[in-house]
Protein backbone atom coordinates (compact mmCIF):
# COMPACT_ATOMS: atom_id res chain seq x y z
CA MET A 1 137.58 45.74 31.14
CA GLU A 2 139.34 47.68 33.50
CA ASP A 3 142.30 46.00 32.18
CA SER A 4 141.92 46.39 28.89
CA ASP A 5 144.85 48.30 27.38
CA LEU A 6 143.48 48.33 24.19
CA VAL A 7 140.20 50.35 25.43
CA ALA A 8 142.73 52.62 27.55
CA ASP A 9 144.94 52.99 24.31
CA ALA A 10 141.49 54.01 22.18
CA LEU A 11 140.08 56.32 24.92
CA GLY A 12 143.12 58.04 26.72
CA GLU A 13 143.93 57.45 30.27
CA HIS A 14 142.02 60.37 31.39
CA ILE A 15 138.74 59.32 30.00
CA PHE A 16 139.09 55.38 30.78
CA GLU A 17 139.41 56.38 34.25
CA TRP A 18 136.65 58.51 33.93
CA PHE A 19 134.35 56.05 32.34
CA LEU A 20 135.48 53.21 34.77
CA ARG A 21 135.00 55.61 38.02
CA ASN A 22 131.17 56.30 36.41
CA LYS A 23 130.53 52.67 35.59
CA ARG A 24 131.52 51.56 39.02
CA SER A 25 129.23 54.48 40.89
CA GLU A 26 126.26 53.20 38.15
CA TRP A 27 126.99 49.43 39.40
CA GLU A 28 126.92 50.38 43.15
CA LEU A 29 123.59 52.03 42.74
CA TYR A 30 122.22 48.95 40.63
CA GLN A 31 123.36 46.88 43.39
CA GLY A 32 121.03 48.48 45.91
CA ARG A 33 117.71 48.33 43.67
CA VAL A 34 114.81 45.57 43.77
CA THR A 35 112.91 44.86 40.70
CA PRO A 36 109.29 44.01 40.39
CA PHE A 37 110.82 40.54 39.22
CA GLU A 38 112.83 39.76 42.47
CA LEU A 39 110.30 40.82 44.52
CA GLU A 40 107.57 38.57 42.99
CA GLN A 41 109.95 35.61 42.56
CA TYR A 42 111.56 35.66 45.97
CA LEU A 43 109.35 37.55 48.46
CA PRO A 44 106.81 34.57 48.76
CA VAL A 45 109.98 32.20 50.10
CA TRP A 46 110.27 34.32 53.21
C-alpha cells in the first residue's frame, strides 16, 4: 500500500503519510502480543 500512487493521490500526501505511520505503529504493537490461541497451540511444545 505504501507504494500506491492511487491511494496517495486520493488521500493527499499528508493524510497518506499519517495513515502509514499509524499503521506501522499498530503493526509493531500487534507483533508484541501473544494470543490465547498461540499460547494454547505452541506452549505445550516447549
